[in-house]
Amino acid sequence: MFPFKTLWCVGLLTGLVWAPVAEARFGKRNTPSDSKSSTHDSSADPDTHEASAIGTEDDDDDGKKPRSRNSFDDDDCCSDDDDDDASGGIVASLLSGLFEGAARTIANTGTHLSERLDPETSQPLLAGQRHAVPLSFRLSAQRLLMLDDVRGVDLLAGLEGHRFGVETRMMLLKQPTDDGTVGEDDLMLVSAHLTYAFLVRDAFRLRAEGGLSTAHAPDITLAGPSVALSFEACLFSPLDFEARAQLTPLPFLQVDATVGLALHLGSLMLRGGWRGLYLDDLGTVDGVAHVDRMHGPYFGAGFTF
C-alpha cells in the first residue's frame, strides 16, 4: 500500500511540473500591450531634490570646542560597572533558565515520543502510538521557494482526535508581474477543512479532508468546495514520510500536491520536501482563462502536541 500511495503522489506532482506554461497570472485581468512600454523616470520627478552636504557648520556656532566622546569626569569612572555586571548576570541566568526549561519541555512532549512513562506506575503510555494518539494539536509554518522567483509562506493549524479533526491552512505568495510593470502580484490561498482518518495505525495515518477553499487574487476573490487526501507514515524513529493532494474544482481549479519528510524531535517538528501548485481561474475574471503553474522546495518547522 505504501508504494502505491507514494507513486500516486509523485505522479500527480510530475503532472503539475510538466503542465503548459501560463500566459497570464491567475485571477488577473489582461492589460493593453502598450502597458509594457510605460516607464517611470525618477529623474523627472519634480519632488526630488539634491541632498545637502553633510557636516556644514551652523552659523550660530559659538566656537567652543566640543567635549570629546572619549573624555569623562573622574567621578563618573566605573561608577555603574558593578551594577551593570550584576544586572547582566541576573538577565543571563534568567535567559539560560528559560532556554533550558523550553528545551526540556520540547524534548519531553509531543505525539511522536517512542516512550513516555507514567509517573505512578512507570509504565509506557505512548510507546508505539506515533500516529494513533487520541488527541493532537499541530501548528507549523513553511517557507516556499518556488521556481521562477515565486516566494511565499504556508501556515497550518489543526486539532485532531483519533479519527475526526479540523485544520486550516493559509498560503501567501509573491510572484513577479507579467504585464511589464514594476512590482509583484500578491496571491493568498486559504482553506478550512474537516478531516476524517479512515485508516489509523501506530505506524501510519491516512485521512480524507473536505471543506472550503478561497483564492484572493489581484482582481478577484473566489471561493469553492475543496477536498484533499493526506498520508503520514513512520519510516524510522523519529522520521516520517508525508504526502498530500488537494483539489478545488469550481469556480476555480486548484491542484496542490506535497511530498516530503518530517523529523520529530519531541514536540518540535522539522519539515522539508517538494511542492507543486496549479491554478486556473477558468475565465471568471474577464472570460479568458489565466493559469499559474508553480513548483519548488519548501522547508519549515512547527510543533505537535
C-alpha atoms as a PDB file:
ATOM      1  CA  MET A   1       0.000   0.000   0.000  1.00  0.00           C
ATOM      2  CA  PHE A   2       2.831   2.397   0.775  1.00  0.00           C
ATOM      3  CA  PRO A   3       4.490   2.186  -2.706  1.00  0.00           C
ATOM      4  CA  PHE A   4       1.138   2.772  -4.439  1.00  0.00           C
ATOM      5  CA  LYS A   5       0.392   5.913  -2.417  1.00  0.00           C
ATOM      6  CA  THR A   6       3.924   7.190  -2.933  1.00  0.00           C
ATOM      7  CA  LEU A   7       3.822   6.667  -6.705  1.00  0.00           C
ATOM      8  CA  TRP A   8       0.393   8.316  -6.854  1.00  0.00           C
ATOM      9  CA  CYS A   9       1.644  11.487  -5.165  1.00  0.00           C
ATOM     10  CA  VAL A  10       4.846  11.585  -7.248  1.00  0.00           C
ATOM     11  CA  GLY A  11       2.862  11.127 -10.451  1.00  0.00           C
ATOM     12  CA  LEU A  12       0.489  13.962  -9.563  1.00  0.00           C
ATOM     13  CA  LEU A  13       3.383  16.269  -8.760  1.00  0.00           C
ATOM     14  CA  THR A  14       5.116  15.351 -12.044  1.00  0.00           C
ATOM     15  CA  GLY A  15       1.963  16.265 -13.953  1.00  0.00           C
ATOM     16  CA  LEU A  16       1.967  19.691 -12.358  1.00  0.00           C
ATOM     17  CA  VAL A  17       5.611  20.288 -13.231  1.00  0.00           C
ATOM     18  CA  TRP A  18       5.094  19.482 -16.928  1.00  0.00           C
ATOM     19  CA  ALA A  19       1.831  21.400 -17.268  1.00  0.00           C
ATOM     20  CA  PRO A  20       1.658  24.029 -20.073  1.00  0.00           C
ATOM     21  CA  VAL A  21       3.341  27.364 -19.394  1.00  0.00           C
ATOM     22  CA  ALA A  22       0.912  30.033 -18.259  1.00  0.00           C
ATOM     23  CA  GLU A  23       0.239  33.078 -20.420  1.00  0.00           C
ATOM     24  CA  ALA A  24      -1.132  35.304 -17.664  1.00  0.00           C
ATOM     25  CA  ARG A  25      -1.386  35.467 -13.905  1.00  0.00           C
ATOM     26  CA  PHE A  26      -4.177  33.623 -12.106  1.00  0.00           C
ATOM     27  CA  GLY A  27      -7.067  35.952 -11.199  1.00  0.00           C
ATOM     28  CA  LYS A  28      -5.632  38.967 -13.027  1.00  0.00           C
ATOM     29  CA  ARG A  29      -7.119  40.857 -15.967  1.00  0.00           C
ATOM     30  CA  ASN A  30      -5.300  41.191 -19.259  1.00  0.00           C
ATOM     31  CA  THR A  31      -3.761  44.634 -19.757  1.00  0.00           C
ATOM     32  CA  PRO A  32      -3.218  46.523 -23.044  1.00  0.00           C
ATOM     33  CA  SER A  33       0.017  45.737 -24.838  1.00  0.00           C
ATOM     34  CA  ASP A  34       1.208  49.318 -24.611  1.00  0.00           C
ATOM     35  CA  SER A  35       1.383  48.991 -20.813  1.00  0.00           C
ATOM     36  CA  LYS A  36       4.653  47.120 -21.216  1.00  0.00           C
ATOM     37  CA  SER A  37       6.283  50.176 -22.771  1.00  0.00           C
ATOM     38  CA  SER A  38       5.372  52.530 -19.931  1.00  0.00           C
ATOM     39  CA  THR A  39       8.349  53.509 -17.810  1.00  0.00           C
ATOM     40  CA  HIS A  40       8.871  55.713 -14.802  1.00  0.00           C
ATOM     41  CA  ASP A  41      11.745  58.189 -14.842  1.00  0.00           C
ATOM     42  CA  SER A  42      12.713  59.064 -11.331  1.00  0.00           C
ATOM     43  CA  SER A  43      14.923  61.917 -12.545  1.00  0.00           C
ATOM     44  CA  ALA A  44      11.857  63.764 -13.887  1.00  0.00           C
ATOM     45  CA  ASP A  45      10.088  63.762 -10.563  1.00  0.00           C
ATOM     46  CA  PRO A  46       9.569  67.362  -9.510  1.00  0.00           C
ATOM     47  CA  ASP A  47       9.580  66.390  -5.853  1.00  0.00           C
ATOM     48  CA  THR A  48      13.130  65.082  -5.929  1.00  0.00           C
ATOM     49  CA  HIS A  49      15.997  67.353  -4.943  1.00  0.00           C
ATOM     50  CA  GLU A  50      19.675  67.077  -4.335  1.00  0.00           C
ATOM     51  CA  ALA A  51      20.828  66.287  -0.837  1.00  0.00           C
ATOM     52  CA  SER A  52      22.651  68.989   1.017  1.00  0.00           C
ATOM     53  CA  ALA A  53      26.223  68.471   2.140  1.00  0.00           C
ATOM     54  CA  ILE A  54      26.717  66.714   5.417  1.00  0.00           C
ATOM     55  CA  GLY A  55      28.772  68.351   8.101  1.00  0.00           C
ATOM     56  CA  THR A  56      28.122  72.024   7.238  1.00  0.00           C
ATOM     57  CA  GLU A  57      28.782  74.169  10.285  1.00  0.00           C
ATOM     58  CA  ASP A  58      25.994  76.217  11.793  1.00  0.00           C
ATOM     59  CA  ASP A  59      26.266  79.989  11.527  1.00  0.00           C
ATOM     60  CA  ASP A  60      25.351  80.251  15.233  1.00  0.00           C
ATOM     61  CA  ASP A  61      28.298  78.132  16.377  1.00  0.00           C
ATOM     62  CA  ASP A  62      29.809  79.761  19.429  1.00  0.00           C
ATOM     63  CA  GLY A  63      33.269  78.478  18.559  1.00  0.00           C
ATOM     64  CA  LYS A  64      33.662  76.405  21.692  1.00  0.00           C
ATOM     65  CA  LYS A  65      35.416  73.105  21.211  1.00  0.00           C
ATOM     66  CA  PRO A  66      33.031  70.230  21.928  1.00  0.00           C
ATOM     67  CA  ARG A  67      33.960  67.762  24.577  1.00  0.00           C
ATOM     68  CA  SER A  68      35.461  64.560  23.230  1.00  0.00           C
ATOM     69  CA  ARG A  69      33.348  61.438  23.437  1.00  0.00           C
ATOM     70  CA  ASN A  70      36.261  59.622  24.996  1.00  0.00           C
ATOM     71  CA  SER A  71      36.670  62.200  27.785  1.00  0.00           C
ATOM     72  CA  PHE A  72      34.866  61.803  31.113  1.00  0.00           C
ATOM     73  CA  ASP A  73      34.966  63.088  34.638  1.00  0.00           C
ATOM     74  CA  ASP A  74      36.857  61.214  37.304  1.00  0.00           C
ATOM     75  CA  ASP A  75      33.688  60.984  39.377  1.00  0.00           C
ATOM     76  CA  ASP A  76      31.947  59.004  36.603  1.00  0.00           C
ATOM     77  CA  CYS A  77      34.701  56.430  36.184  1.00  0.00           C
ATOM     78  CA  CYS A  78      33.417  52.878  36.695  1.00  0.00           C
ATOM     79  CA  SER A  79      30.633  54.128  38.950  1.00  0.00           C
ATOM     80  CA  ASP A  80      27.997  51.861  37.374  1.00  0.00           C
ATOM     81  CA  ASP A  81      30.169  48.886  36.390  1.00  0.00           C
ATOM     82  CA  ASP A  82      29.267  46.776  39.408  1.00  0.00           C
ATOM     83  CA  ASP A  83      25.539  47.396  38.942  1.00  0.00           C
ATOM     84  CA  ASP A  84      25.765  46.614  35.226  1.00  0.00           C
ATOM     85  CA  ASP A  85      27.628  43.374  35.883  1.00  0.00           C
ATOM     86  CA  ALA A  86      25.087  42.285  38.470  1.00  0.00           C
ATOM     87  CA  SER A  87      22.125  43.129  36.204  1.00  0.00           C
ATOM     88  CA  GLY A  88      23.756  41.359  33.273  1.00  0.00           C
ATOM     89  CA  GLY A  89      24.359  38.259  35.379  1.00  0.00           C
ATOM     90  CA  ILE A  90      20.733  38.154  36.512  1.00  0.00           C
ATOM     91  CA  VAL A  91      19.425  38.557  32.942  1.00  0.00           C
ATOM     92  CA  ALA A  92      21.795  35.887  31.657  1.00  0.00           C
ATOM     93  CA  SER A  93      20.696  33.486  34.387  1.00  0.00           C
ATOM     94  CA  LEU A  94      17.025  34.094  33.615  1.00  0.00           C
ATOM     95  CA  LEU A  95      17.528  33.603  29.876  1.00  0.00           C
ATOM     96  CA  SER A  96      19.563  30.455  30.480  1.00  0.00           C
ATOM     97  CA  GLY A  97      16.875  29.043  32.754  1.00  0.00           C
ATOM     98  CA  LEU A  98      14.117  29.839  30.258  1.00  0.00           C
ATOM     99  CA  PHE A  99      16.065  28.284  27.410  1.00  0.00           C
ATOM    100  CA  GLU A 100      16.833  25.121  29.356  1.00  0.00           C
ATOM    101  CA  GLY A 101      13.215  24.832  30.515  1.00  0.00           C
ATOM    102  CA  ALA A 102      11.875  25.286  26.965  1.00  0.00           C
ATOM    103  CA  ALA A 103      14.338  22.753  25.558  1.00  0.00           C
ATOM    104  CA  ARG A 104      13.410  20.224  28.267  1.00  0.00           C
ATOM    105  CA  THR A 105       9.683  20.760  27.603  1.00  0.00           C
ATOM    106  CA  ILE A 106      10.091  20.309  23.845  1.00  0.00           C
ATOM    107  CA  ALA A 107      12.178  17.179  24.272  1.00  0.00           C
ATOM    108  CA  ASN A 108       9.773  15.555  26.749  1.00  0.00           C
ATOM    109  CA  THR A 109       6.468  16.339  24.998  1.00  0.00           C
ATOM    110  CA  GLY A 110       4.920  15.586  21.629  1.00  0.00           C
ATOM    111  CA  THR A 111       2.876  12.847  19.994  1.00  0.00           C
ATOM    112  CA  HIS A 112       5.852  11.091  18.391  1.00  0.00           C
ATOM    113  CA  LEU A 113       7.739  10.101  21.520  1.00  0.00           C
ATOM    114  CA  SER A 114       8.837   6.491  21.352  1.00  0.00           C
ATOM    115  CA  GLU A 115       8.136   6.135  25.051  1.00  0.00           C
ATOM    116  CA  ARG A 116       6.588   8.191  27.834  1.00  0.00           C
ATOM    117  CA  LEU A 117       6.431   6.733  31.346  1.00  0.00           C
ATOM    118  CA  ASP A 118       3.507   7.018  33.734  1.00  0.00           C
ATOM    119  CA  PRO A 119       4.863   8.769  36.867  1.00  0.00           C
ATOM    120  CA  GLU A 120       2.830   6.472  39.127  1.00  0.00           C
ATOM    121  CA  THR A 121       3.260   3.058  37.510  1.00  0.00           C
ATOM    122  CA  SER A 122       6.430   3.727  35.470  1.00  0.00           C
ATOM    123  CA  GLN A 123       4.722   2.024  32.530  1.00  0.00           C
ATOM    124  CA  PRO A 124       4.992   3.375  28.969  1.00  0.00           C
ATOM    125  CA  LEU A 125       1.993   5.463  27.961  1.00  0.00           C
ATOM    126  CA  LEU A 126       2.638   6.405  24.332  1.00  0.00           C
ATOM    127  CA  ALA A 127       5.009   3.680  23.236  1.00  0.00           C
ATOM    128  CA  GLY A 128       4.056   2.681  19.707  1.00  0.00           C
ATOM    129  CA  GLN A 129       1.267   5.296  19.375  1.00  0.00           C
ATOM    130  CA  ARG A 130       3.013   7.666  16.979  1.00  0.00           C
ATOM    131  CA  HIS A 131       0.082   8.117  14.580  1.00  0.00           C
ATOM    132  CA  ALA A 132      -2.649   6.704  16.793  1.00  0.00           C
ATOM    133  CA  VAL A 133      -2.632   9.115  19.725  1.00  0.00           C
ATOM    134  CA  PRO A 134      -6.127  10.051  20.966  1.00  0.00           C
ATOM    135  CA  LEU A 135      -5.643  13.828  20.527  1.00  0.00           C
ATOM    136  CA  SER A 136      -3.020  16.036  18.872  1.00  0.00           C
ATOM    137  CA  PHE A 137      -2.596  19.728  18.096  1.00  0.00           C
ATOM    138  CA  ARG A 138      -0.434  20.871  15.175  1.00  0.00           C
ATOM    139  CA  LEU A 139       0.970  24.300  14.420  1.00  0.00           C
ATOM    140  CA  SER A 140       3.573  24.899  11.717  1.00  0.00           C
ATOM    141  CA  ALA A 141       4.997  27.409   9.228  1.00  0.00           C
ATOM    142  CA  GLN A 142       6.784  26.617   5.986  1.00  0.00           C
ATOM    143  CA  ARG A 143       8.898  28.699   3.640  1.00  0.00           C
ATOM    144  CA  LEU A 144       8.156  28.174  -0.067  1.00  0.00           C
ATOM    145  CA  LEU A 145      10.944  28.720  -2.595  1.00  0.00           C
ATOM    146  CA  MET A 146       9.164  28.158  -5.879  1.00  0.00           C
ATOM    147  CA  LEU A 147      10.978  28.405  -9.171  1.00  0.00           C
ATOM    148  CA  ASP A 148      10.646  31.498 -11.424  1.00  0.00           C
ATOM    149  CA  ASP A 149      11.215  33.871  -8.470  1.00  0.00           C
ATOM    150  CA  VAL A 150       7.981  32.911  -6.702  1.00  0.00           C
ATOM    151  CA  ARG A 151       8.261  33.192  -2.913  1.00  0.00           C
ATOM    152  CA  GLY A 152       5.807  32.514  -0.146  1.00  0.00           C
ATOM    153  CA  VAL A 153       4.909  31.057   3.225  1.00  0.00           C
ATOM    154  CA  ASP A 154       2.412  28.405   4.247  1.00  0.00           C
ATOM    155  CA  LEU A 155       0.792  28.386   7.702  1.00  0.00           C
ATOM    156  CA  LEU A 156      -1.051  25.440   9.263  1.00  0.00           C
ATOM    157  CA  ALA A 157      -3.092  24.983  12.435  1.00  0.00           C
ATOM    158  CA  GLY A 158      -5.016  21.807  13.218  1.00  0.00           C
ATOM    159  CA  LEU A 159      -6.658  19.854  16.015  1.00  0.00           C
ATOM    160  CA  GLU A 160      -7.212  16.125  15.501  1.00  0.00           C
ATOM    161  CA  GLY A 161      -8.682  13.350  17.583  1.00  0.00           C
ATOM    162  CA  HIS A 162      -8.291   9.646  16.997  1.00  0.00           C
ATOM    163  CA  ARG A 163     -10.290   9.929  13.755  1.00  0.00           C
ATOM    164  CA  PHE A 164     -12.016  13.311  13.419  1.00  0.00           C
ATOM    165  CA  GLY A 165     -10.306  16.661  13.263  1.00  0.00           C
ATOM    166  CA  VAL A 166     -10.277  20.203  11.860  1.00  0.00           C
ATOM    167  CA  GLU A 167      -7.500  22.198  10.238  1.00  0.00           C
ATOM    168  CA  THR A 168      -6.953  25.483   8.442  1.00  0.00           C
ATOM    169  CA  ARG A 169      -4.189  26.456   6.009  1.00  0.00           C
ATOM    170  CA  MET A 170      -3.122  29.802   4.586  1.00  0.00           C
ATOM    171  CA  MET A 171      -0.620  30.251   1.746  1.00  0.00           C
ATOM    172  CA  LEU A 172       0.797  33.701   0.918  1.00  0.00           C
ATOM    173  CA  LEU A 173       2.607  34.016  -2.417  1.00  0.00           C
ATOM    174  CA  LYS A 174       4.515  36.826  -4.124  1.00  0.00           C
ATOM    175  CA  GLN A 175       5.276  36.474  -7.827  1.00  0.00           C
ATOM    176  CA  PRO A 176       6.703  38.853 -10.440  1.00  0.00           C
ATOM    177  CA  THR A 177       4.170  40.749 -12.546  1.00  0.00           C
ATOM    178  CA  ASP A 178       3.617  39.527 -16.100  1.00  0.00           C
ATOM    179  CA  ASP A 179       2.432  42.782 -17.733  1.00  0.00           C
ATOM    180  CA  GLY A 180       5.712  44.683 -17.832  1.00  0.00           C
ATOM    181  CA  THR A 181       5.043  46.804 -14.753  1.00  0.00           C
ATOM    182  CA  VAL A 182       7.425  47.002 -11.835  1.00  0.00           C
ATOM    183  CA  GLY A 183       6.440  45.183  -8.667  1.00  0.00           C
ATOM    184  CA  GLU A 184       4.914  41.905  -7.548  1.00  0.00           C
ATOM    185  CA  ASP A 185       1.491  40.274  -7.575  1.00  0.00           C
ATOM    186  CA  ASP A 186       0.142  39.008  -4.244  1.00  0.00           C
ATOM    187  CA  LEU A 187      -1.882  35.818  -4.028  1.00  0.00           C
ATOM    188  CA  MET A 188      -3.470  34.332  -0.888  1.00  0.00           C
ATOM    189  CA  LEU A 189      -4.990  30.852  -0.719  1.00  0.00           C
ATOM    190  CA  VAL A 190      -6.960  29.870   2.392  1.00  0.00           C
ATOM    191  CA  SER A 191      -8.679  26.578   3.193  1.00  0.00           C
ATOM    192  CA  ALA A 192     -10.680  25.269   6.153  1.00  0.00           C
ATOM    193  CA  HIS A 193     -11.265  21.507   6.267  1.00  0.00           C
ATOM    194  CA  LEU A 194     -12.876  18.876   8.412  1.00  0.00           C
ATOM    195  CA  THR A 195     -10.768  15.707   8.469  1.00  0.00           C
ATOM    196  CA  TYR A 196     -11.520  12.038   8.956  1.00  0.00           C
ATOM    197  CA  ALA A 197      -8.779   9.416   9.354  1.00  0.00           C
ATOM    198  CA  PHE A 198     -10.265   6.236   7.916  1.00  0.00           C
ATOM    199  CA  LEU A 199      -7.021   4.274   8.363  1.00  0.00           C
ATOM    200  CA  VAL A 200      -5.285   4.704  11.720  1.00  0.00           C
ATOM    201  CA  ARG A 201      -2.354   2.571  12.784  1.00  0.00           C
ATOM    202  CA  ASP A 202       0.626   3.100  15.042  1.00  0.00           C
ATOM    203  CA  ALA A 203       2.904   3.442  12.003  1.00  0.00           C
ATOM    204  CA  PHE A 204       0.707   5.460   9.608  1.00  0.00           C
ATOM    205  CA  ARG A 205      -2.423   7.590   9.202  1.00  0.00           C
ATOM    206  CA  LEU A 206      -4.493   8.087   6.045  1.00  0.00           C
ATOM    207  CA  ARG A 207      -7.113  10.820   6.168  1.00  0.00           C
ATOM    208  CA  ALA A 208      -9.713  12.423   3.905  1.00  0.00           C
ATOM    209  CA  GLU A 209     -10.484  16.137   4.080  1.00  0.00           C
ATOM    210  CA  GLY A 210     -13.351  18.315   2.920  1.00  0.00           C
ATOM    211  CA  GLY A 211     -14.368  21.929   3.297  1.00  0.00           C
ATOM    212  CA  LEU A 212     -13.994  25.371   1.740  1.00  0.00           C
ATOM    213  CA  SER A 213     -11.133  26.929  -0.218  1.00  0.00           C
ATOM    214  CA  THR A 214     -10.707  30.594  -1.178  1.00  0.00           C
ATOM    215  CA  ALA A 215      -8.354  32.415  -3.547  1.00  0.00           C
ATOM    216  CA  HIS A 216      -7.600  36.129  -3.186  1.00  0.00           C
ATOM    217  CA  ALA A 217      -6.019  37.317  -6.471  1.00  0.00           C
ATOM    218  CA  PRO A 218      -5.182  40.859  -7.707  1.00  0.00           C
ATOM    219  CA  ASP A 219      -8.540  41.377  -9.474  1.00  0.00           C
ATOM    220  CA  ILE A 220     -10.914  38.831  -7.956  1.00  0.00           C
ATOM    221  CA  THR A 221     -11.749  36.754  -4.882  1.00  0.00           C
ATOM    222  CA  LEU A 222     -13.109  33.248  -5.407  1.00  0.00           C
ATOM    223  CA  ALA A 223     -14.443  30.553  -3.069  1.00  0.00           C
ATOM    224  CA  GLY A 224     -15.460  26.971  -3.675  1.00  0.00           C
ATOM    225  CA  PRO A 225     -15.632  23.437  -2.270  1.00  0.00           C
ATOM    226  CA  SER A 226     -12.354  21.681  -1.584  1.00  0.00           C
ATOM    227  CA  VAL A 227     -11.301  18.092  -0.920  1.00  0.00           C
ATOM    228  CA  ALA A 228      -7.948  16.584  -0.007  1.00  0.00           C
ATOM    229  CA  LEU A 229      -6.214  13.318   0.811  1.00  0.00           C
ATOM    230  CA  SER A 230      -3.208  13.191   3.134  1.00  0.00           C
ATOM    231  CA  PHE A 231      -0.933  10.401   4.287  1.00  0.00           C
ATOM    232  CA  GLU A 232       1.712  10.106   7.036  1.00  0.00           C
ATOM    233  CA  ALA A 233       3.882   7.067   7.676  1.00  0.00           C
ATOM    234  CA  CYS A 234       6.754   6.264  10.001  1.00  0.00           C
ATOM    235  CA  LEU A 235       9.962   5.420   8.118  1.00  0.00           C
ATOM    236  CA  PHE A 236      12.049   5.009  11.244  1.00  0.00           C
ATOM    237  CA  SER A 237      12.037   6.798  14.544  1.00  0.00           C
ATOM    238  CA  PRO A 238      11.795   9.786  14.507  1.00  0.00           C
ATOM    239  CA  LEU A 239      11.480  10.321  10.706  1.00  0.00           C
ATOM    240  CA  ASP A 240       8.120  10.374   8.880  1.00  0.00           C
ATOM    241  CA  PHE A 241       7.110  10.400   5.225  1.00  0.00           C
ATOM    242  CA  GLU A 242       4.311  12.854   4.344  1.00  0.00           C
ATOM    243  CA  ALA A 243       2.212  13.309   1.196  1.00  0.00           C
ATOM    244  CA  ARG A 244      -0.877  15.414   0.499  1.00  0.00           C
ATOM    245  CA  ALA A 245      -3.021  16.376  -2.506  1.00  0.00           C
ATOM    246  CA  GLN A 246      -5.791  19.000  -2.524  1.00  0.00           C
ATOM    247  CA  LEU A 247      -8.367  19.726  -5.252  1.00  0.00           C
ATOM    248  CA  THR A 248     -10.749  22.654  -5.708  1.00  0.00           C
ATOM    249  CA  PRO A 249     -12.778  22.053  -8.904  1.00  0.00           C
ATOM    250  CA  LEU A 250     -15.058  25.133  -9.047  1.00  0.00           C
ATOM    251  CA  PRO A 251     -15.349  28.107  -9.517  1.00  0.00           C
ATOM    252  CA  PHE A 252     -11.581  27.958  -9.973  1.00  0.00           C
ATOM    253  CA  LEU A 253      -9.301  24.988 -10.379  1.00  0.00           C
ATOM    254  CA  GLN A 254      -6.638  24.418  -7.731  1.00  0.00           C
ATOM    255  CA  VAL A 255      -4.434  21.329  -7.548  1.00  0.00           C
ATOM    256  CA  ASP A 256      -1.912  21.391  -4.705  1.00  0.00           C
ATOM    257  CA  ALA A 257       0.423  18.445  -4.058  1.00  0.00           C
ATOM    258  CA  THR A 258       3.169  17.981  -1.457  1.00  0.00           C
ATOM    259  CA  VAL A 259       5.722  15.223  -0.896  1.00  0.00           C
ATOM    260  CA  GLY A 260       8.279  15.467   1.909  1.00  0.00           C
ATOM    261  CA  LEU A 261       9.815  14.306   5.164  1.00  0.00           C
ATOM    262  CA  ALA A 262       9.183  15.333   8.759  1.00  0.00           C
ATOM    263  CA  LEU A 263      11.697  14.975  11.585  1.00  0.00           C
ATOM    264  CA  HIS A 264      10.117  14.879  15.054  1.00  0.00           C
ATOM    265  CA  LEU A 265      12.307  15.986  17.960  1.00  0.00           C
ATOM    266  CA  GLY A 266       9.893  15.713  20.846  1.00  0.00           C
ATOM    267  CA  SER A 267       7.164  18.247  20.152  1.00  0.00           C
ATOM    268  CA  LEU A 268       9.391  20.139  17.682  1.00  0.00           C
ATOM    269  CA  MET A 269       8.885  19.155  14.064  1.00  0.00           C
ATOM    270  CA  LEU A 270      11.205  19.992  11.138  1.00  0.00           C
ATOM    271  CA  ARG A 271       9.833  19.584   7.618  1.00  0.00           C
ATOM    272  CA  GLY A 272      11.123  19.718   4.068  1.00  0.00           C
ATOM    273  CA  GLY A 273      10.228  18.484   0.620  1.00  0.00           C
ATOM    274  CA  TRP A 274       8.794  19.479  -2.767  1.00  0.00           C
ATOM    275  CA  ARG A 275       5.520  21.224  -3.556  1.00  0.00           C
ATOM    276  CA  GLY A 276       3.592  21.756  -6.775  1.00  0.00           C
ATOM    277  CA  LEU A 277       0.685  24.167  -7.308  1.00  0.00           C
ATOM    278  CA  TYR A 278      -1.572  24.534 -10.354  1.00  0.00           C
ATOM    279  CA  LEU A 279      -4.141  27.365 -10.550  1.00  0.00           C
ATOM    280  CA  ASP A 280      -6.686  28.171 -13.263  1.00  0.00           C
ATOM    281  CA  ASP A 281      -9.357  30.861 -12.799  1.00  0.00           C
ATOM    282  CA  LEU A 282     -11.453  29.245 -15.592  1.00  0.00           C
ATOM    283  CA  GLY A 283     -12.105  32.621 -17.188  1.00  0.00           C
ATOM    284  CA  THR A 284     -14.050  34.051 -14.246  1.00  0.00           C
ATOM    285  CA  VAL A 285     -12.132  37.362 -14.372  1.00  0.00           C
ATOM    286  CA  ASP A 286     -12.558  38.535 -17.971  1.00  0.00           C
ATOM    287  CA  GLY A 287     -13.646  35.486 -19.926  1.00  0.00           C
ATOM    288  CA  VAL A 288     -10.076  34.355 -20.591  1.00  0.00           C
ATOM    289  CA  ALA A 289      -8.542  31.516 -18.580  1.00  0.00           C
ATOM    290  CA  HIS A 290      -5.465  32.622 -16.648  1.00  0.00           C
ATOM    291  CA  VAL A 291      -3.192  29.843 -15.461  1.00  0.00           C
ATOM    292  CA  ASP A 292      -0.313  29.742 -12.993  1.00  0.00           C
ATOM    293  CA  ARG A 293       1.986  26.758 -12.547  1.00  0.00           C
ATOM    294  CA  MET A 294       4.426  26.762  -9.628  1.00  0.00           C
ATOM    295  CA  HIS A 295       6.672  24.164  -8.064  1.00  0.00           C
ATOM    296  CA  GLY A 296       9.737  24.082  -5.869  1.00  0.00           C
ATOM    297  CA  PRO A 297      11.208  23.095  -2.500  1.00  0.00           C
ATOM    298  CA  TYR A 298       9.868  24.011   0.902  1.00  0.00           C
ATOM    299  CA  PHE A 299      11.188  23.841   4.447  1.00  0.00           C
ATOM    300  CA  GLY A 300       9.790  24.772   7.806  1.00  0.00           C
ATOM    301  CA  ALA A 301       9.183  23.953  11.439  1.00  0.00           C
ATOM    302  CA  GLY A 302       6.334  23.560  13.854  1.00  0.00           C
ATOM    303  CA  PHE A 303       5.034  21.942  16.993  1.00  0.00           C
ATOM    304  CA  THR A 304       2.907  18.837  17.538  1.00  0.00           C
ATOM    305  CA  PHE A 305       1.422  18.252  20.979  1.00  0.00           C
END
